[in-house]
Amino acid sequence: MKQGISITLRTQGDSLVRLTGLLYRKGYIVESLSVGPDSCQGHVQVNAVVTNSQAAHRQLYSHVSKLVGVVKVEDCYLGG
């Protein structure tokens, strides 16, 4: 199952490394990853499309929201 997730991170030296490391360690297959500035200064917006099982859908949200530097996590519906 493909899952879209939008994450707002504080601009810290290792925030993106922590996020990608988590995705790798948990075995998610990253199909797309984009990073750009957020409207709020000092934050970046990360959009990712990952493939995982139905059971892992909520776990991903939970794991990401616990990371240091994460401000907000949102699910993105990927129609189809």
N, C-alpha and C. Protein backbone atom coordinates (compact mmCIF):
# COMPACT_ATOMS: atom_id res chain seq x y z
N MET A 1 0.84 -1.17 0.00
CA MET A 1 0.00 0.00 0.00
C MET A 1 0.89 1.24 0.00
N LYS A 2 0.58 2.19 -0.88
CA LYS A 2 1.32 3.44 -0.90
C LYS A 2 0.70 4.41 0.10
N GLN A 3 1.56 5.11 0.80
CA GLN A 3 1.11 6.08 1.80
C GLN A 3 1.87 7.38 1.60
N GLY A 4 1.14 8.47 1.57
CA GLY A 4 1.75 9.79 1.50
C GLY A 4 1.77 10.39 2.89
N ILE A 5 2.86 11.04 3.22
CA ILE A 5 2.98 11.66 4.53
C ILE A 5 3.68 13.00 4.37
N SER A 6 3.15 14.00 5.04
CA SER A 6 3.72 15.34 5.01
C SER A 6 4.22 15.67 6.41
N ILE A 7 5.48 16.08 6.50
CA ILE A 7 6.12 16.29 7.79
C ILE A 7 6.73 17.69 7.82
N THR A 8 6.48 18.41 8.89
CA THR A 8 7.13 19.70 9.11
C THR A 8 8.21 19.49 10.16
N LEU A 9 9.45 19.81 9.79
CA LEU A 9 10.60 19.64 10.67
C LEU A 9 11.21 20.99 11.03
N ARG A 10 11.76 21.07 12.24
CA ARG A 10 12.58 22.23 12.59
C ARG A 10 13.88 22.12 11.79
N THR A 11 14.40 23.26 11.38
CA THR A 11 15.65 23.26 10.64
C THR A 11 16.79 23.03 11.63
N GLN A 12 17.19 21.77 11.75
CA GLN A 12 18.32 21.38 12.60
C GLN A 12 19.25 20.56 11.73
N GLY A 13 20.49 20.46 12.13
CA GLY A 13 21.48 19.77 11.33
C GLY A 13 21.16 18.32 11.02
N ASP A 14 20.52 17.62 11.96
CA ASP A 14 20.32 16.20 11.75
C ASP A 14 18.86 15.76 11.64
N SER A 15 17.94 16.68 11.52
CA SER A 15 16.52 16.32 11.47
C SER A 15 16.19 15.42 10.29
N LEU A 16 16.68 15.79 9.11
CA LEU A 16 16.40 14.99 7.92
C LEU A 16 17.10 13.64 7.98
N VAL A 17 18.29 13.60 8.54
CA VAL A 17 19.02 12.34 8.70
C VAL A 17 18.26 11.40 9.64
N ARG A 18 17.72 11.94 10.72
CA ARG A 18 16.94 11.13 11.65
C ARG A 18 15.70 10.55 10.96
N LEU A 19 15.03 11.37 10.16
CA LEU A 19 13.83 10.92 9.46
C LEU A 19 14.14 9.81 8.46
N THR A 20 15.12 10.03 7.60
CA THR A 20 15.45 9.01 6.61
C THR A 20 16.02 7.75 7.27
N GLY A 21 16.76 7.92 8.34
CA GLY A 21 17.27 6.76 9.08
C GLY A 21 16.14 5.92 9.66
N LEU A 22 15.12 6.58 10.18
CA LEU A 22 13.95 5.87 10.71
C LEU A 22 13.26 5.07 9.61
N LEU A 23 13.03 5.71 8.47
CA LEU A 23 12.37 5.02 7.36
C LEU A 23 13.18 3.79 6.92
N TYR A 24 14.50 3.93 6.88
CA TYR A 24 15.36 2.81 6.49
C TYR A 24 15.32 1.69 7.53
N ARG A 25 15.48 2.04 8.80
CA ARG A 25 15.51 1.03 9.87
C ARG A 25 14.20 0.25 9.96
N LYS A 26 13.09 0.93 9.73
CA LYS A 26 11.78 0.27 9.84
C LYS A 26 11.40 -0.47 8.57
N GLY A 27 12.21 -0.37 7.52
CA GLY A 27 11.99 -1.15 6.31
C GLY A 27 10.98 -0.57 5.33
N TYR A 28 10.69 0.72 5.42
CA TYR A 28 9.78 1.34 4.47
C TYR A 28 10.50 1.58 3.15
N ILE A 29 9.81 1.34 2.05
CA ILE A 29 10.37 1.60 0.73
C ILE A 29 9.94 3.00 0.33
N VAL A 30 10.91 3.90 0.21
CA VAL A 30 10.63 5.29 -0.13
C VAL A 30 10.58 5.42 -1.65
N GLU A 31 9.42 5.76 -2.17
CA GLU A 31 9.25 5.93 -3.61
C GLU A 31 9.51 7.37 -4.04
N SER A 32 9.24 8.31 -3.15
CA SER A 32 9.43 9.72 -3.47
C SER A 32 9.71 10.48 -2.18
N LEU A 33 10.64 11.42 -2.26
CA LEU A 33 10.96 12.26 -1.11
C LEU A 33 11.29 13.65 -1.62
N SER A 34 10.57 14.65 -1.13
CA SER A 34 10.87 16.03 -1.52
C SER A 34 10.95 16.89 -0.27
N VAL A 35 11.90 17.81 -0.30
CA VAL A 35 12.14 18.69 0.84
C VAL A 35 12.18 20.13 0.33
N GLY A 36 11.50 21.01 1.05
CA GLY A 36 11.49 22.42 0.66
C GLY A 36 11.23 23.30 1.86
N PRO A 37 11.39 24.60 1.68
CA PRO A 37 11.16 25.53 2.78
C PRO A 37 9.68 25.57 3.15
N ASP A 38 9.41 25.82 4.41
CA ASP A 38 8.04 25.95 4.90
C ASP A 38 7.72 27.44 5.02
N SER A 39 6.46 27.76 5.13
CA SER A 39 6.06 29.17 5.26
C SER A 39 6.53 29.77 6.59
N CYS A 40 6.76 28.92 7.57
CA CYS A 40 7.23 29.37 8.88
C CYS A 40 8.76 29.31 8.89
N GLN A 41 9.40 30.42 9.19
CA GLN A 41 10.86 30.47 9.19
C GLN A 41 11.43 29.51 10.23
N GLY A 42 12.49 28.81 9.85
CA GLY A 42 13.13 27.86 10.76
C GLY A 42 12.57 26.45 10.63
N HIS A 43 11.70 26.23 9.64
CA HIS A 43 11.11 24.92 9.42
C HIS A 43 11.25 24.52 7.95
N VAL A 44 11.27 23.22 7.70
CA VAL A 44 11.24 22.69 6.34
C VAL A 44 10.06 21.73 6.21
N GLN A 45 9.56 21.61 4.99
CA GLN A 45 8.44 20.72 4.70
C GLN A 45 8.98 19.51 3.95
N VAL A 46 8.68 18.31 4.43
CA VAL A 46 9.10 17.07 3.80
C VAL A 46 7.85 16.31 3.37
N ASN A 47 7.81 15.94 2.10
CA ASN A 47 6.71 15.13 1.58
C ASN A 47 7.31 13.81 1.11
N ALA A 48 6.73 12.72 1.55
CA ALA A 48 7.25 11.40 1.19
C ALA A 48 6.12 10.48 0.77
N VAL A 49 6.42 9.61 -0.18
CA VAL A 49 5.52 8.53 -0.55
C VAL A 49 6.27 7.24 -0.24
N VAL A 50 5.69 6.43 0.63
CA VAL A 50 6.32 5.18 1.04
C VAL A 50 5.37 4.02 0.79
N THR A 51 5.95 2.84 0.60
CA THR A 51 5.18 1.62 0.44
C THR A 51 5.31 0.82 1.72
N ASN A 52 4.17 0.40 2.25
CA ASN A 52 4.18 -0.42 3.46
C ASN A 52 2.91 -1.25 3.51
N SER A 53 2.80 -2.08 4.51
CA SER A 53 1.60 -2.89 4.69
C SER A 53 0.52 -2.06 5.36
N GLN A 54 -0.70 -2.53 5.29
CA GLN A 54 -1.83 -1.84 5.90
C GLN A 54 -1.61 -1.67 7.41
N ALA A 55 -1.06 -2.71 8.05
CA ALA A 55 -0.85 -2.67 9.50
C ALA A 55 0.19 -1.62 9.89
N ALA A 56 1.14 -1.35 9.01
CA ALA A 56 2.22 -0.42 9.32
C ALA A 56 1.82 1.04 9.12
N HIS A 57 0.64 1.27 8.58
CA HIS A 57 0.20 2.63 8.27
C HIS A 57 0.20 3.53 9.52
N ARG A 58 -0.42 3.08 10.57
CA ARG A 58 -0.48 3.89 11.81
C ARG A 58 0.86 3.93 12.52
N GLN A 59 1.63 2.85 12.40
CA GLN A 59 2.94 2.82 13.05
C GLN A 59 3.85 3.89 12.48
N LEU A 60 3.81 4.08 11.16
CA LEU A 60 4.66 5.10 10.55
C LEU A 60 4.34 6.47 11.13
N TYR A 61 3.07 6.81 11.20
CA TYR A 61 2.64 8.09 11.76
C TYR A 61 3.14 8.23 13.20
N SER A 62 3.00 7.18 13.98
CA SER A 62 3.41 7.20 15.38
C SER A 62 4.92 7.37 15.52
N HIS A 63 5.69 6.59 14.76
CA HIS A 63 7.15 6.66 14.85
C HIS A 63 7.67 8.03 14.44
N VAL A 64 7.16 8.56 13.34
CA VAL A 64 7.64 9.85 12.85
C VAL A 64 7.31 10.97 13.83
N SER A 65 6.12 10.94 14.40
CA SER A 65 5.72 12.02 15.31
C SER A 65 6.55 12.05 16.59
N LYS A 66 7.23 10.95 16.92
CA LYS A 66 8.07 10.90 18.12
C LYS A 66 9.49 11.40 17.88
N LEU A 67 9.87 11.61 16.62
CA LEU A 67 11.23 12.05 16.32
C LEU A 67 11.50 13.46 16.85
N VAL A 68 12.74 13.68 17.27
CA VAL A 68 13.17 15.01 17.71
C VAL A 68 13.15 15.95 16.51
N GLY A 69 12.58 17.11 16.67
CA GLY A 69 12.56 18.10 15.61
C GLY A 69 11.30 18.09 14.76
N VAL A 70 10.42 17.12 14.96
CA VAL A 70 9.18 17.05 14.19
C VAL A 70 8.15 17.98 14.82
N VAL A 71 7.60 18.87 14.01
CA VAL A 71 6.60 19.82 14.47
C VAL A 71 5.19 19.31 14.19
N LYS A 72 4.98 18.78 12.96
CA LYS A 72 3.64 18.34 12.57
C LYS A 72 3.76 17.20 11.56
N VAL A 73 2.85 16.23 11.65
CA VAL A 73 2.79 15.10 10.72
C VAL A 73 1.36 14.99 10.21
N GLU A 74 1.20 14.85 8.89
CA GLU A 74 -0.13 14.71 8.30
C GLU A 74 -0.11 13.59 7.27
N ASP A 75 -1.20 12.81 7.24
CA ASP A 75 -1.38 11.82 6.19
C ASP A 75 -1.86 12.53 4.94
N CYS A 76 -1.41 12.07 3.80
CA CYS A 76 -1.85 12.61 2.52
C CYS A 76 -2.54 11.49 1.75
N TYR A 77 -3.77 11.71 1.35
CA TYR A 77 -4.50 10.70 0.60
C TYR A 77 -3.95 10.62 -0.82
N LEU A 78 -3.61 9.41 -1.24
CA LEU A 78 -3.09 9.18 -2.58
C LEU A 78 -4.17 8.46 -3.38
N GLY A 79 -5.14 9.14 -3.87
CA GLY A 79 -6.27 8.53 -4.58
C GLY A 79 -5.86 7.42 -5.52
N GLY A 80 -6.73 6.43 -5.65
CA GLY A 80 -6.48 5.33 -6.57
C GLY A 80 -6.06 4.16 -5.90
